[in-house]
Amino acid sequence: MPFYDALSGWKKLGDDIHQKDAAVFAYFWNRMKREIEQGVAPHSWGKGFVQSDYAKHGIDEMGAIYTA
């Protein structure tokens, strides 16, 4: 909707904030995945979630990152 897009100047700022936020969460997600692969991750709900088949339930990688 061009009219709505013209009035929504906050969308670029919101996208920038989301990208930075996602990068922070992805850092911790990737670190947890490495620790699991190395066998040094402590027991936690996040560890169980990473090891589950979350994709089978329709959860994509970014959804999994925010969930864990």
Protein backbone atom coordinates (compact mmCIF):
# COMPACT_ATOMS: atom_id res chain seq x y z
CA MET A 1 0.00 0.00 0.00
CA PRO A 2 1.91 3.05 -1.23
CA PHE A 3 -0.02 5.53 0.90
CA TYR A 4 0.61 3.54 4.09
CA ASP A 5 4.29 3.12 3.17
CA ALA A 6 4.60 6.88 2.71
CA LEU A 7 3.22 7.49 6.21
CA SER A 8 5.30 4.76 7.82
CA GLY A 9 8.72 6.32 8.13
CA TRP A 10 9.40 4.20 11.21
CA LYS A 11 9.62 0.97 9.18
CA LYS A 12 13.29 1.45 8.24
CA LEU A 13 14.22 2.28 11.83
CA GLY A 14 12.22 -0.72 13.06
CA ASP A 15 13.94 -3.00 10.54
CA ASP A 16 17.37 -1.71 11.62
CA ILE A 17 16.55 -2.39 15.28
CA HIS A 18 15.26 -5.86 14.41
CA GLN A 19 18.44 -6.70 12.49
CA LYS A 20 20.64 -5.69 15.44
CA ASP A 21 18.42 -7.53 17.90
CA ALA A 22 18.44 -10.68 15.77
CA ALA A 23 22.24 -10.56 15.53
CA VAL A 24 22.55 -10.54 19.33
CA PHE A 25 20.18 -13.47 19.77
CA ALA A 26 21.84 -15.38 16.90
CA TYR A 27 25.23 -14.95 18.59
CA PHE A 28 24.00 -16.74 21.72
CA TRP A 29 22.15 -19.37 19.64
CA ASN A 30 25.24 -20.18 17.61
CA ARG A 31 27.39 -20.29 20.74
CA MET A 32 24.96 -22.74 22.36
CA LYS A 33 24.95 -24.92 19.23
CA ARG A 34 28.79 -25.01 19.23
CA GLU A 35 28.85 -25.93 22.93
CA ILE A 36 26.35 -28.73 22.28
CA GLU A 37 28.45 -30.07 19.41
CA GLN A 38 31.56 -29.95 21.63
CA GLY A 39 29.69 -31.67 24.46
CA VAL A 40 30.30 -28.87 26.97
CA ALA A 41 26.87 -27.22 27.06
CA PRO A 42 25.21 -27.33 30.48
CA HIS A 43 21.80 -28.92 30.83
CA SER A 44 19.09 -26.36 30.07
CA TRP A 45 15.76 -25.95 28.36
CA GLY A 46 17.52 -24.23 25.46
CA LYS A 47 19.83 -27.20 24.96
CA GLY A 48 16.86 -29.56 24.78
CA PHE A 49 15.14 -27.25 22.34
CA VAL A 50 18.19 -27.05 20.06
CA GLN A 51 18.43 -30.82 20.06
CA SER A 52 14.72 -31.25 19.31
CA ASP A 53 13.29 -31.41 15.81
CA TYR A 54 11.78 -27.92 15.99
CA ALA A 55 11.68 -27.60 12.19
CA LYS A 56 9.26 -30.52 12.10
CA HIS A 57 6.79 -28.32 13.96
CA GLY A 58 7.10 -25.46 11.48
CA ILE A 59 9.59 -23.37 13.47
CA ASP A 60 12.19 -21.72 11.25
CA GLU A 61 15.73 -20.85 12.38
CA MET A 62 14.90 -17.28 13.41
CA GLY A 63 11.82 -18.45 15.29
CA ALA A 64 13.96 -21.03 17.07
CA ILE A 65 16.55 -18.40 17.93
CA TYR A 66 13.95 -16.18 19.57
CA THR A 67 12.30 -19.14 21.31
CA ALA A 68 15.48 -20.49 22.86
